Amino acid sequence: MEDGRDEHTGGPPAGGAGTDPATEAFVGHRNLLFTVAYEMLGSAADAEDVLQETWLRWSGVDLASVRDRRAYLVRITTRQALNRLRTLGRRKESYVGSWLPAPLLTTPDVAEDVELADSVSTAMMLVLETLAPTERAVFVLREVFALEYDEIAQAVDRKPAAVRQIAHRARAHVAARRPRGHVSSADSRKALDAFRQAVETGDLQSLLDVLAPDVVLLGDGGGVKQAVLRPIVGADKVARLLAAGPGRIPTGSSFRFAQVNGCPALLLRVDGALDTVLTVRVEDGLVTGLYAVRNPEKLSHMRRETTLSR
């Protein structure tokens, strides 16, 4: 935990006695709505904006005409997220270097929900990036939040039969690209710890021992902080970069473990300030993916824990 817990800022503040039904429903589902938006966008700031837009629309709805408030709120959130996702796509085209999802310092209960933790892991979020906007929405709503096809159809403005086809196509796409099998937090932590020790000592062989032969390193500096501009592929290249190249750990720095996006991660601090959030993809005890976020704008949600829910 960095500085305590954080409730999302989108929409109205949590109310007490006398809160009107619309506000009560929105606040009650706020964490769910944020999670939906974040999984669709990969950006905490944009997810919060979507929540604000959702609240503005929800506050004008006649509640007497709403049969299922949770489903209705998810529908509004999905539509707003889809609109923003298309805008983000254009923004990413001019992004400097690799684009990585904004990391979230998550509460311990996220890691306990294996499916939720897997769905918001950096590796999985990057897989979701390869889906078309509607495919991503359908996959997230069906596979993560278990919405019925009829509900999803209303959210994405498609017929239920079309949604079933989109879901089938998206599942096949994700299955071909997602990490193989579930890796426990203990195994991820063990691999991360071995990686940390190797990096701190600059021991090239120890780094090679923990990296998979086809490991991929992605860095996101957003054009503001130095980071690798293209994926670095292969254990030898990645190890040499981290041990002796420009990727080596600067003096006055320290690592600490944290739960990021529901998974073990390393926070690198330089002179006490958060510099890099490092998450990994682990398979068969070896690190197959290294994801280093340095863009300061994307680190703003690392000051406090974020609550995610399904």
C-alpha atoms as a PDB file:
ATOM      1  CA  MET A   1       0.000   0.000   0.000  1.00  0.00           C
ATOM      2  CA  GLU A   2       1.333   3.423  -0.928  1.00  0.00           C
ATOM      3  CA  ASP A   3      -0.840   6.043   0.790  1.00  0.00           C
ATOM      4  CA  GLY A   4      -4.079   4.324   1.708  1.00  0.00           C
ATOM      5  CA  ARG A   5      -7.144   3.575  -0.375  1.00  0.00           C
ATOM      6  CA  ASP A   6      -8.806   5.486  -3.121  1.00  0.00           C
ATOM      7  CA  GLU A   7     -12.364   5.577  -4.359  1.00  0.00           C
ATOM      8  CA  HIS A   8     -12.805   6.550  -7.989  1.00  0.00           C
ATOM      9  CA  THR A   9     -13.547  10.192  -8.606  1.00  0.00           C
ATOM     10  CA  GLY A  10     -16.002   9.783 -11.493  1.00  0.00           C
ATOM     11  CA  GLY A  11     -19.609  10.614 -10.622  1.00  0.00           C
ATOM     12  CA  PRO A  12     -21.060  11.774  -7.323  1.00  0.00           C
ATOM     13  CA  PRO A  13     -19.366  11.304  -3.947  1.00  0.00           C
ATOM     14  CA  ALA A  14     -20.504   8.432  -1.762  1.00  0.00           C
ATOM     15  CA  GLY A  15     -23.604   9.562   0.035  1.00  0.00           C
ATOM     16  CA  GLY A  16     -24.974   8.860   3.474  1.00  0.00           C
ATOM     17  CA  ALA A  17     -28.492   8.941   4.839  1.00  0.00           C
ATOM     18  CA  GLY A  18     -31.006  10.531   2.521  1.00  0.00           C
ATOM     19  CA  THR A  19     -29.111   9.761  -0.665  1.00  0.00           C
ATOM     20  CA  ASP A  20     -31.484   9.649  -3.642  1.00  0.00           C
ATOM     21  CA  PRO A  21     -32.001   6.261  -5.397  1.00  0.00           C
ATOM     22  CA  ALA A  22     -30.068   7.240  -8.544  1.00  0.00           C
ATOM     23  CA  THR A  23     -27.003   8.261  -6.566  1.00  0.00           C
ATOM     24  CA  GLU A  24     -27.280   5.210  -4.333  1.00  0.00           C
ATOM     25  CA  ALA A  25     -27.378   2.862  -7.333  1.00  0.00           C
ATOM     26  CA  PHE A  26     -24.453   4.587  -9.044  1.00  0.00           C
ATOM     27  CA  VAL A  27     -22.277   4.613  -5.931  1.00  0.00           C
ATOM     28  CA  GLY A  28     -23.163   0.992  -5.198  1.00  0.00           C
ATOM     29  CA  HIS A  29     -21.903  -0.095  -8.632  1.00  0.00           C
ATOM     30  CA  ARG A  30     -19.080   2.450  -9.004  1.00  0.00           C
ATOM     31  CA  ASN A  31     -16.228  -0.058  -8.628  1.00  0.00           C
ATOM     32  CA  LEU A  32     -17.838  -2.421 -11.121  1.00  0.00           C
ATOM     33  CA  LEU A  33     -18.345   0.372 -13.656  1.00  0.00           C
ATOM     34  CA  PHE A  34     -14.765   1.571 -13.261  1.00  0.00           C
ATOM     35  CA  THR A  35     -13.506  -1.982 -13.807  1.00  0.00           C
ATOM     36  CA  VAL A  36     -15.581  -2.355 -16.983  1.00  0.00           C
ATOM     37  CA  ALA A  37     -14.268   0.944 -18.345  1.00  0.00           C
ATOM     38  CA  TYR A  38     -10.667   0.228 -17.368  1.00  0.00           C
ATOM     39  CA  GLU A  39     -10.673  -3.229 -18.958  1.00  0.00           C
ATOM     40  CA  MET A  40     -11.988  -1.716 -22.155  1.00  0.00           C
ATOM     41  CA  LEU A  41      -9.623   1.262 -22.202  1.00  0.00           C
ATOM     42  CA  GLY A  42      -6.458   0.350 -20.302  1.00  0.00           C
ATOM     43  CA  SER A  43      -6.384   3.893 -18.965  1.00  0.00           C
ATOM     44  CA  ALA A  44      -7.442   4.824 -15.452  1.00  0.00           C
ATOM     45  CA  ALA A  45      -7.830   8.500 -16.331  1.00  0.00           C
ATOM     46  CA  ASP A  46     -10.071   7.705 -19.287  1.00  0.00           C
ATOM     47  CA  ALA A  47     -12.030   5.205 -17.199  1.00  0.00           C
ATOM     48  CA  GLU A  48     -12.753   7.933 -14.660  1.00  0.00           C
ATOM     49  CA  ASP A  49     -13.899  10.259 -17.440  1.00  0.00           C
ATOM     50  CA  VAL A  50     -16.238   7.513 -18.653  1.00  0.00           C
ATOM     51  CA  LEU A  51     -17.665   7.206 -15.142  1.00  0.00           C
ATOM     52  CA  GLN A  52     -18.347  10.931 -15.097  1.00  0.00           C
ATOM     53  CA  GLU A  53     -20.126  10.689 -18.456  1.00  0.00           C
ATOM     54  CA  THR A  54     -22.063   7.668 -17.211  1.00  0.00           C
ATOM     55  CA  TRP A  55     -23.232   9.574 -14.148  1.00  0.00           C
ATOM     56  CA  LEU A  56     -24.392  12.549 -16.231  1.00  0.00           C
ATOM     57  CA  ARG A  57     -26.542  10.256 -18.364  1.00  0.00           C
ATOM     58  CA  TRP A  58     -27.723   8.107 -15.463  1.00  0.00           C
ATOM     59  CA  SER A  59     -28.821  11.113 -13.405  1.00  0.00           C
ATOM     60  CA  GLY A  60     -31.336  11.994 -16.129  1.00  0.00           C
ATOM     61  CA  VAL A  61     -32.878   8.523 -16.421  1.00  0.00           C
ATOM     62  CA  ASP A  62     -36.416   7.808 -15.208  1.00  0.00           C
ATOM     63  CA  LEU A  63     -35.694   5.030 -12.683  1.00  0.00           C
ATOM     64  CA  ALA A  64     -39.272   3.804 -12.873  1.00  0.00           C
ATOM     65  CA  SER A  65     -38.544   2.592 -16.401  1.00  0.00           C
ATOM     66  CA  VAL A  66     -35.370   0.711 -15.387  1.00  0.00           C
ATOM     67  CA  ARG A  67     -35.852  -2.991 -14.633  1.00  0.00           C
ATOM     68  CA  ASP A  68     -32.202  -3.846 -13.801  1.00  0.00           C
ATOM     69  CA  ARG A  69     -30.162  -0.870 -12.606  1.00  0.00           C
ATOM     70  CA  ARG A  70     -26.837  -2.725 -12.685  1.00  0.00           C
ATOM     71  CA  ALA A  71     -27.338  -3.832 -16.301  1.00  0.00           C
ATOM     72  CA  TYR A  72     -28.517  -0.362 -17.320  1.00  0.00           C
ATOM     73  CA  LEU A  73     -25.467   1.306 -15.757  1.00  0.00           C
ATOM     74  CA  VAL A  74     -23.118  -1.212 -17.399  1.00  0.00           C
ATOM     75  CA  ARG A  75     -24.821  -0.503 -20.721  1.00  0.00           C
ATOM     76  CA  ILE A  76     -24.235   3.255 -20.403  1.00  0.00           C
ATOM     77  CA  THR A  77     -20.632   2.716 -19.314  1.00  0.00           C
ATOM     78  CA  THR A  78     -19.942   0.348 -22.201  1.00  0.00           C
ATOM     79  CA  ARG A  79     -21.305   2.750 -24.789  1.00  0.00           C
ATOM     80  CA  GLN A  80     -19.272   5.639 -23.409  1.00  0.00           C
ATOM     81  CA  ALA A  81     -16.162   3.468 -23.222  1.00  0.00           C
ATOM     82  CA  LEU A  82     -16.637   2.342 -26.836  1.00  0.00           C
ATOM     83  CA  ASN A  83     -16.804   5.972 -27.961  1.00  0.00           C
ATOM     84  CA  ARG A  84     -13.640   6.789 -26.056  1.00  0.00           C
ATOM     85  CA  LEU A  85     -11.892   3.600 -27.207  1.00  0.00           C
ATOM     86  CA  ARG A  86     -12.157   4.727 -30.812  1.00  0.00           C
ATOM     87  CA  THR A  87     -10.679   8.106 -29.871  1.00  0.00           C
ATOM     88  CA  LEU A  88      -7.870   6.395 -27.956  1.00  0.00           C
ATOM     89  CA  GLY A  89      -7.072   4.308 -31.023  1.00  0.00           C
ATOM     90  CA  ARG A  90      -6.289   7.459 -32.974  1.00  0.00           C
ATOM     91  CA  ARG A  91      -4.252   8.831 -30.068  1.00  0.00           C
ATOM     92  CA  LYS A  92      -2.178   5.657 -29.807  1.00  0.00           C
ATOM     93  CA  GLU A  93      -1.203   5.918 -33.472  1.00  0.00           C
ATOM     94  CA  SER A  94       0.964   8.943 -32.617  1.00  0.00           C
ATOM     95  CA  TYR A  95       2.177   7.626 -29.247  1.00  0.00           C
ATOM     96  CA  VAL A  96       5.956   7.697 -28.810  1.00  0.00           C
ATOM     97  CA  GLY A  97       7.279   4.162 -28.335  1.00  0.00           C
ATOM     98  CA  SER A  98       5.304   1.210 -27.017  1.00  0.00           C
ATOM     99  CA  TRP A  99       1.913   1.837 -25.393  1.00  0.00           C
ATOM    100  CA  LEU A 100       1.250  -0.031 -22.149  1.00  0.00           C
ATOM    101  CA  PRO A 101      -1.858   0.093 -19.941  1.00  0.00           C
ATOM    102  CA  ALA A 102      -1.713   2.443 -16.980  1.00  0.00           C
ATOM    103  CA  PRO A 103      -0.839   0.386 -13.871  1.00  0.00           C
ATOM    104  CA  LEU A 104      -3.139   0.318 -10.859  1.00  0.00           C
ATOM    105  CA  LEU A 105      -2.108  -0.317  -7.267  1.00  0.00           C
ATOM    106  CA  THR A 106      -4.882  -2.770  -6.394  1.00  0.00           C
ATOM    107  CA  THR A 107      -6.436  -3.932  -3.137  1.00  0.00           C
ATOM    108  CA  PRO A 108      -5.554  -7.444  -1.864  1.00  0.00           C
ATOM    109  CA  ASP A 109      -8.999  -8.851  -2.658  1.00  0.00           C
ATOM    110  CA  VAL A 110      -8.369  -8.409  -6.402  1.00  0.00           C
ATOM    111  CA  ALA A 111      -5.584 -11.002  -6.289  1.00  0.00           C
ATOM    112  CA  GLU A 112      -7.949 -13.404  -4.501  1.00  0.00           C
ATOM    113  CA  ASP A 113     -10.337 -13.317  -7.475  1.00  0.00           C
ATOM    114  CA  VAL A 114      -8.188 -15.294  -9.922  1.00  0.00           C
ATOM    115  CA  GLU A 115     -10.318 -14.560 -12.986  1.00  0.00           C
ATOM    116  CA  LEU A 116     -10.502 -10.839 -12.260  1.00  0.00           C
ATOM    117  CA  ALA A 117      -6.756 -10.612 -11.554  1.00  0.00           C
ATOM    118  CA  ASP A 118      -6.004 -12.438 -14.800  1.00  0.00           C
ATOM    119  CA  SER A 119      -8.308 -10.174 -16.791  1.00  0.00           C
ATOM    120  CA  VAL A 120      -6.607  -6.963 -15.600  1.00  0.00           C
ATOM    121  CA  SER A 121      -3.017  -8.254 -15.716  1.00  0.00           C
ATOM    122  CA  THR A 122      -0.731  -6.322 -18.036  1.00  0.00           C
ATOM    123  CA  ALA A 123      -0.218  -9.367 -20.248  1.00  0.00           C
ATOM    124  CA  MET A 124      -3.962  -9.875 -20.663  1.00  0.00           C
ATOM    125  CA  MET A 125      -4.669  -6.177 -21.184  1.00  0.00           C
ATOM    126  CA  LEU A 126      -2.166  -6.219 -24.054  1.00  0.00           C
ATOM    127  CA  VAL A 127      -4.011  -9.164 -25.580  1.00  0.00           C
ATOM    128  CA  LEU A 128      -7.266  -7.202 -25.312  1.00  0.00           C
ATOM    129  CA  GLU A 129      -5.538  -4.371 -27.199  1.00  0.00           C
ATOM    130  CA  THR A 130      -5.406  -6.620 -30.262  1.00  0.00           C
ATOM    131  CA  LEU A 131      -9.206  -6.877 -30.424  1.00  0.00           C
ATOM    132  CA  ALA A 132     -11.426  -4.505 -32.375  1.00  0.00           C
ATOM    133  CA  PRO A 133     -13.436  -2.156 -30.084  1.00  0.00           C
ATOM    134  CA  THR A 134     -16.726  -4.078 -30.293  1.00  0.00           C
ATOM    135  CA  GLU A 135     -14.948  -7.423 -29.937  1.00  0.00           C
ATOM    136  CA  ARG A 136     -13.210  -6.133 -26.831  1.00  0.00           C
ATOM    137  CA  ALA A 137     -16.467  -4.926 -25.312  1.00  0.00           C
ATOM    138  CA  VAL A 138     -18.237  -8.211 -26.018  1.00  0.00           C
ATOM    139  CA  PHE A 139     -15.353 -10.297 -24.682  1.00  0.00           C
ATOM    140  CA  VAL A 140     -15.023  -8.263 -21.476  1.00  0.00           C
ATOM    141  CA  LEU A 141     -18.751  -8.206 -20.752  1.00  0.00           C
ATOM    142  CA  ARG A 142     -19.226 -11.906 -21.462  1.00  0.00           C
ATOM    143  CA  GLU A 143     -16.029 -13.544 -20.217  1.00  0.00           C
ATOM    144  CA  VAL A 144     -15.184 -11.293 -17.270  1.00  0.00           C
ATOM    145  CA  PHE A 145     -18.560  -9.999 -16.106  1.00  0.00           C
ATOM    146  CA  ALA A 146     -20.747 -12.905 -17.312  1.00  0.00           C
ATOM    147  CA  LEU A 147     -23.464 -10.738 -18.832  1.00  0.00           C
ATOM    148  CA  GLU A 148     -26.132 -12.462 -20.917  1.00  0.00           C
ATOM    149  CA  TYR A 149     -25.985 -12.060 -24.685  1.00  0.00           C
ATOM    150  CA  ASP A 150     -29.218 -10.051 -24.706  1.00  0.00           C
ATOM    151  CA  GLU A 151     -27.744  -7.551 -22.241  1.00  0.00           C
ATOM    152  CA  ILE A 152     -24.505  -7.273 -24.225  1.00  0.00           C
ATOM    153  CA  ALA A 153     -26.468  -6.792 -27.442  1.00  0.00           C
ATOM    154  CA  GLN A 154     -28.173  -3.734 -25.959  1.00  0.00           C
ATOM    155  CA  ALA A 155     -24.838  -2.350 -24.770  1.00  0.00           C
ATOM    156  CA  VAL A 156     -23.065  -2.653 -28.139  1.00  0.00           C
ATOM    157  CA  ASP A 157     -26.140  -2.050 -30.312  1.00  0.00           C
ATOM    158  CA  ARG A 158     -26.027  -5.415 -32.074  1.00  0.00           C
ATOM    159  CA  LYS A 159     -28.450  -8.333 -32.361  1.00  0.00           C
ATOM    160  CA  PRO A 160     -27.936 -11.201 -29.864  1.00  0.00           C
ATOM    161  CA  ALA A 161     -27.070 -13.626 -32.687  1.00  0.00           C
ATOM    162  CA  ALA A 162     -24.355 -11.260 -33.917  1.00  0.00           C
ATOM    163  CA  VAL A 163     -23.035 -10.867 -30.380  1.00  0.00           C
ATOM    164  CA  ARG A 164     -22.690 -14.648 -30.057  1.00  0.00           C
ATOM    165  CA  GLN A 165     -20.599 -14.730 -33.230  1.00  0.00           C
ATOM    166  CA  ILE A 166     -18.454 -11.824 -32.066  1.00  0.00           C
ATOM    167  CA  ALA A 167     -17.941 -13.524 -28.679  1.00  0.00           C
ATOM    168  CA  HIS A 168     -16.894 -16.779 -30.341  1.00  0.00           C
ATOM    169  CA  ARG A 169     -14.425 -14.954 -32.603  1.00  0.00           C
ATOM    170  CA  ALA A 170     -13.019 -12.889 -29.718  1.00  0.00           C
ATOM    171  CA  ARG A 171     -12.582 -15.963 -27.479  1.00  0.00           C
ATOM    172  CA  ALA A 172     -10.607 -17.760 -30.195  1.00  0.00           C
ATOM    173  CA  HIS A 173      -8.465 -14.683 -30.782  1.00  0.00           C
ATOM    174  CA  VAL A 174      -7.688 -14.256 -27.075  1.00  0.00           C
ATOM    175  CA  ALA A 175      -7.095 -17.985 -26.495  1.00  0.00           C
ATOM    176  CA  ALA A 176      -4.383 -17.996 -29.161  1.00  0.00           C
ATOM    177  CA  ARG A 177      -2.537 -15.110 -27.512  1.00  0.00           C
ATOM    178  CA  ARG A 178      -3.159 -15.227 -23.762  1.00  0.00           C
ATOM    179  CA  PRO A 179      -0.633 -16.712 -21.286  1.00  0.00           C
ATOM    180  CA  ARG A 180      -0.825 -20.493 -21.081  1.00  0.00           C
ATOM    181  CA  GLY A 181      -2.421 -21.619 -17.817  1.00  0.00           C
ATOM    182  CA  HIS A 182      -2.677 -19.822 -14.499  1.00  0.00           C
ATOM    183  CA  VAL A 183       0.449 -18.781 -12.623  1.00  0.00           C
ATOM    184  CA  SER A 184       0.020 -18.404  -8.867  1.00  0.00           C
ATOM    185  CA  SER A 185       0.996 -15.204  -7.095  1.00  0.00           C
ATOM    186  CA  ALA A 186       3.648 -17.189  -5.210  1.00  0.00           C
ATOM    187  CA  ASP A 187       5.265 -18.375  -8.451  1.00  0.00           C
ATOM    188  CA  SER A 188       5.140 -14.884  -9.943  1.00  0.00           C
ATOM    189  CA  ARG A 189       6.638 -13.430  -6.769  1.00  0.00           C
ATOM    190  CA  LYS A 190       9.422 -16.043  -6.815  1.00  0.00           C
ATOM    191  CA  ALA A 191      10.336 -15.232 -10.427  1.00  0.00           C
ATOM    192  CA  LEU A 192      10.159 -11.502  -9.713  1.00  0.00           C
ATOM    193  CA  ASP A 193      12.403 -11.848  -6.673  1.00  0.00           C
ATOM    194  CA  ALA A 194      15.007 -13.758  -8.676  1.00  0.00           C
ATOM    195  CA  PHE A 195      14.802 -11.090 -11.360  1.00  0.00           C
ATOM    196  CA  ARG A 196      15.179  -8.288  -8.793  1.00  0.00           C
ATOM    197  CA  GLN A 197      18.267  -9.838  -7.235  1.00  0.00           C
ATOM    198  CA  ALA A 198      19.871 -10.377 -10.636  1.00  0.00           C
ATOM    199  CA  VAL A 199      19.199  -6.797 -11.732  1.00  0.00           C
ATOM    200  CA  GLU A 200      20.412  -5.292  -8.462  1.00  0.00           C
ATOM    201  CA  THR A 201      23.676  -7.225  -8.624  1.00  0.00           C
ATOM    202  CA  GLY A 202      24.094  -6.798 -12.369  1.00  0.00           C
ATOM    203  CA  ASP A 203      24.762 -10.540 -12.635  1.00  0.00           C
ATOM    204  CA  LEU A 204      24.301 -11.355 -16.312  1.00  0.00           C
ATOM    205  CA  GLN A 205      24.134 -15.119 -15.827  1.00  0.00           C
ATOM    206  CA  SER A 206      21.527 -14.828 -13.068  1.00  0.00           C
ATOM    207  CA  LEU A 207      19.418 -12.695 -15.382  1.00  0.00           C
ATOM    208  CA  LEU A 208      19.728 -15.254 -18.160  1.00  0.00           C
ATOM    209  CA  ASP A 209      18.673 -17.971 -15.720  1.00  0.00           C
ATOM    210  CA  VAL A 210      15.330 -16.275 -14.951  1.00  0.00           C
ATOM    211  CA  LEU A 211      14.496 -15.040 -18.470  1.00  0.00           C
ATOM    212  CA  ALA A 212      12.825 -17.249 -21.060  1.00  0.00           C
ATOM    213  CA  PRO A 213      14.773 -17.539 -24.343  1.00  0.00           C
ATOM    214  CA  ASP A 214      12.065 -15.593 -26.212  1.00  0.00           C
ATOM    215  CA  VAL A 215      11.390 -13.015 -23.473  1.00  0.00           C
ATOM    216  CA  VAL A 216      10.034  -9.658 -24.668  1.00  0.00           C
ATOM    217  CA  LEU A 217      10.765  -6.334 -22.939  1.00  0.00           C
ATOM    218  CA  LEU A 218       8.387  -3.419 -23.536  1.00  0.00           C
ATOM    219  CA  GLY A 219       8.965   0.058 -22.153  1.00  0.00           C
ATOM    220  CA  ASP A 220       6.516   2.955 -21.981  1.00  0.00           C
ATOM    221  CA  GLY A 221       7.990   6.391 -21.397  1.00  0.00           C
ATOM    222  CA  GLY A 222       5.376   8.236 -23.419  1.00  0.00           C
ATOM    223  CA  GLY A 223       8.086  10.385 -24.978  1.00  0.00           C
ATOM    224  CA  VAL A 224       8.632  11.981 -21.562  1.00  0.00           C
ATOM    225  CA  LYS A 225      10.944   9.478 -19.867  1.00  0.00           C
ATOM    226  CA  GLN A 226      13.661   7.380 -21.494  1.00  0.00           C
ATOM    227  CA  ALA A 227      12.426   3.920 -22.443  1.00  0.00           C
ATOM    228  CA  VAL A 228      13.068   1.372 -25.167  1.00  0.00           C
ATOM    229  CA  LEU A 229      11.119   2.545 -28.201  1.00  0.00           C
ATOM    230  CA  ARG A 230      10.665  -0.909 -29.702  1.00  0.00           C
ATOM    231  CA  PRO A 231      10.187  -4.350 -28.163  1.00  0.00           C
ATOM    232  CA  ILE A 232      13.476  -5.998 -27.173  1.00  0.00           C
ATOM    233  CA  VAL A 233      13.266  -9.724 -27.902  1.00  0.00           C
ATOM    234  CA  GLY A 234      15.494 -12.499 -26.609  1.00  0.00           C
ATOM    235  CA  ALA A 235      17.070 -13.304 -23.239  1.00  0.00           C
ATOM    236  CA  ASP A 236      20.591 -12.269 -24.259  1.00  0.00           C
ATOM    237  CA  LYS A 237      19.549  -8.837 -25.555  1.00  0.00           C
ATOM    238  CA  VAL A 238      17.265  -8.129 -22.603  1.00  0.00           C
ATOM    239  CA  ALA A 239      19.805  -9.316 -20.019  1.00  0.00           C
ATOM    240  CA  ARG A 240      22.622  -7.250 -21.482  1.00  0.00           C
ATOM    241  CA  LEU A 241      20.424  -4.173 -21.669  1.00  0.00           C
ATOM    242  CA  LEU A 242      19.431  -4.502 -18.002  1.00  0.00           C
ATOM    243  CA  ALA A 243      22.846  -5.542 -16.703  1.00  0.00           C
ATOM    244  CA  ALA A 244      25.093  -3.066 -18.454  1.00  0.00           C
ATOM    245  CA  GLY A 245      23.150  -1.050 -21.016  1.00  0.00           C
ATOM    246  CA  PRO A 246      20.930   2.043 -20.767  1.00  0.00           C
ATOM    247  CA  GLY A 247      18.335  -0.090 -18.995  1.00  0.00           C
ATOM    248  CA  ARG A 248      20.537  -0.699 -15.968  1.00  0.00           C
ATOM    249  CA  ILE A 249      19.276   0.452 -12.595  1.00  0.00           C
ATOM    250  CA  PRO A 250      20.477   3.974 -11.715  1.00  0.00           C
ATOM    251  CA  THR A 251      22.289   4.775  -8.484  1.00  0.00           C
ATOM    252  CA  GLY A 252      20.121   5.910  -5.584  1.00  0.00           C
ATOM    253  CA  SER A 253      17.338   3.514  -6.578  1.00  0.00           C
ATOM    254  CA  SER A 254      15.484   0.779  -4.739  1.00  0.00           C
ATOM    255  CA  PHE A 255      12.914  -1.898  -5.504  1.00  0.00           C
ATOM    256  CA  ARG A 256       9.855  -2.849  -3.509  1.00  0.00           C
ATOM    257  CA  PHE A 257       7.091  -5.348  -4.137  1.00  0.00           C
ATOM    258  CA  ALA A 258       3.468  -4.322  -4.644  1.00  0.00           C
ATOM    259  CA  GLN A 259       0.180  -5.684  -5.960  1.00  0.00           C
ATOM    260  CA  VAL A 260      -0.342  -4.080  -9.354  1.00  0.00           C
ATOM    261  CA  ASN A 261      -3.352  -4.993 -11.472  1.00  0.00           C
ATOM    262  CA  GLY A 262      -3.965  -7.899  -9.106  1.00  0.00           C
ATOM    263  CA  CYS A 263      -0.506  -9.401  -9.617  1.00  0.00           C
ATOM    264  CA  PRO A 264       2.922  -9.146  -7.928  1.00  0.00           C
ATOM    265  CA  ALA A 265       5.009  -6.322  -9.378  1.00  0.00           C
ATOM    266  CA  LEU A 266       8.101  -4.274  -8.661  1.00  0.00           C
ATOM    267  CA  LEU A 267       8.119  -0.556  -7.990  1.00  0.00           C
ATOM    268  CA  LEU A 268      11.411   1.160  -8.756  1.00  0.00           C
ATOM    269  CA  ARG A 269      12.069   4.319  -6.794  1.00  0.00           C
ATOM    270  CA  VAL A 270      14.890   6.700  -7.586  1.00  0.00           C
ATOM    271  CA  ASP A 271      15.831   9.088  -4.770  1.00  0.00           C
ATOM    272  CA  GLY A 272      12.520   8.208  -3.109  1.00  0.00           C
ATOM    273  CA  ALA A 273      10.288   9.056  -6.087  1.00  0.00           C
ATOM    274  CA  LEU A 274       8.392   6.429  -8.056  1.00  0.00           C
ATOM    275  CA  ASP A 275      10.211   6.033 -11.368  1.00  0.00           C
ATOM    276  CA  THR A 276       9.051   2.743 -12.922  1.00  0.00           C
ATOM    277  CA  VAL A 277       6.338   0.140 -12.424  1.00  0.00           C
ATOM    278  CA  LEU A 278       7.529  -3.255 -13.623  1.00  0.00           C
ATOM    279  CA  THR A 279       5.056  -6.064 -14.222  1.00  0.00           C
ATOM    280  CA  VAL A 280       5.841  -9.453 -15.714  1.00  0.00           C
ATOM    281  CA  ARG A 281       4.403 -12.390 -17.561  1.00  0.00           C
ATOM    282  CA  VAL A 282       5.611 -15.691 -16.119  1.00  0.00           C
ATOM    283  CA  GLU A 283       5.325 -19.112 -17.747  1.00  0.00           C
ATOM    284  CA  ASP A 284       6.912 -22.343 -16.498  1.00  0.00           C
ATOM    285  CA  GLY A 285       8.852 -20.420 -13.856  1.00  0.00           C
ATOM    286  CA  LEU A 286      10.544 -18.100 -16.365  1.00  0.00           C
ATOM    287  CA  VAL A 287       9.840 -14.483 -17.233  1.00  0.00           C
ATOM    288  CA  THR A 288       8.427 -14.323 -20.771  1.00  0.00           C
ATOM    289  CA  GLY A 289       7.279 -10.692 -20.687  1.00  0.00           C
ATOM    290  CA  LEU A 290       8.664  -7.584 -18.987  1.00  0.00           C
ATOM    291  CA  TYR A 291       6.533  -4.433 -18.986  1.00  0.00           C
ATOM    292  CA  ALA A 292       8.103  -1.221 -17.680  1.00  0.00           C
ATOM    293  CA  VAL A 293       5.867   1.846 -17.367  1.00  0.00           C
ATOM    294  CA  ARG A 294       7.731   5.118 -16.820  1.00  0.00           C
ATOM    295  CA  ASN A 295       5.318   7.643 -18.310  1.00  0.00           C
ATOM    296  CA  PRO A 296       4.564   9.939 -15.325  1.00  0.00           C
ATOM    297  CA  GLU A 297       0.957  10.485 -16.436  1.00  0.00           C
ATOM    298  CA  LYS A 298       0.323   6.750 -16.204  1.00  0.00           C
ATOM    299  CA  LEU A 299       1.837   6.496 -12.715  1.00  0.00           C
ATOM    300  CA  SER A 300      -0.598   8.934 -11.108  1.00  0.00           C
ATOM    301  CA  HIS A 301      -2.902   6.125  -9.931  1.00  0.00           C
ATOM    302  CA  MET A 302      -0.068   4.419  -8.057  1.00  0.00           C
ATOM    303  CA  ARG A 303      -0.387   6.716  -5.052  1.00  0.00           C
ATOM    304  CA  ARG A 304      -3.427   4.918  -3.636  1.00  0.00           C
ATOM    305  CA  GLU A 305      -5.075   1.543  -3.914  1.00  0.00           C
ATOM    306  CA  THR A 306      -7.868   1.107  -6.429  1.00  0.00           C
ATOM    307  CA  THR A 307     -10.774  -1.214  -5.742  1.00  0.00           C
ATOM    308  CA  LEU A 308     -11.878  -3.338  -8.695  1.00  0.00           C
ATOM    309  CA  SER A 309     -14.901  -5.629  -8.736  1.00  0.00           C
ATOM    310  CA  ARG A 310     -17.075  -7.813 -10.943  1.00  0.00           C
END
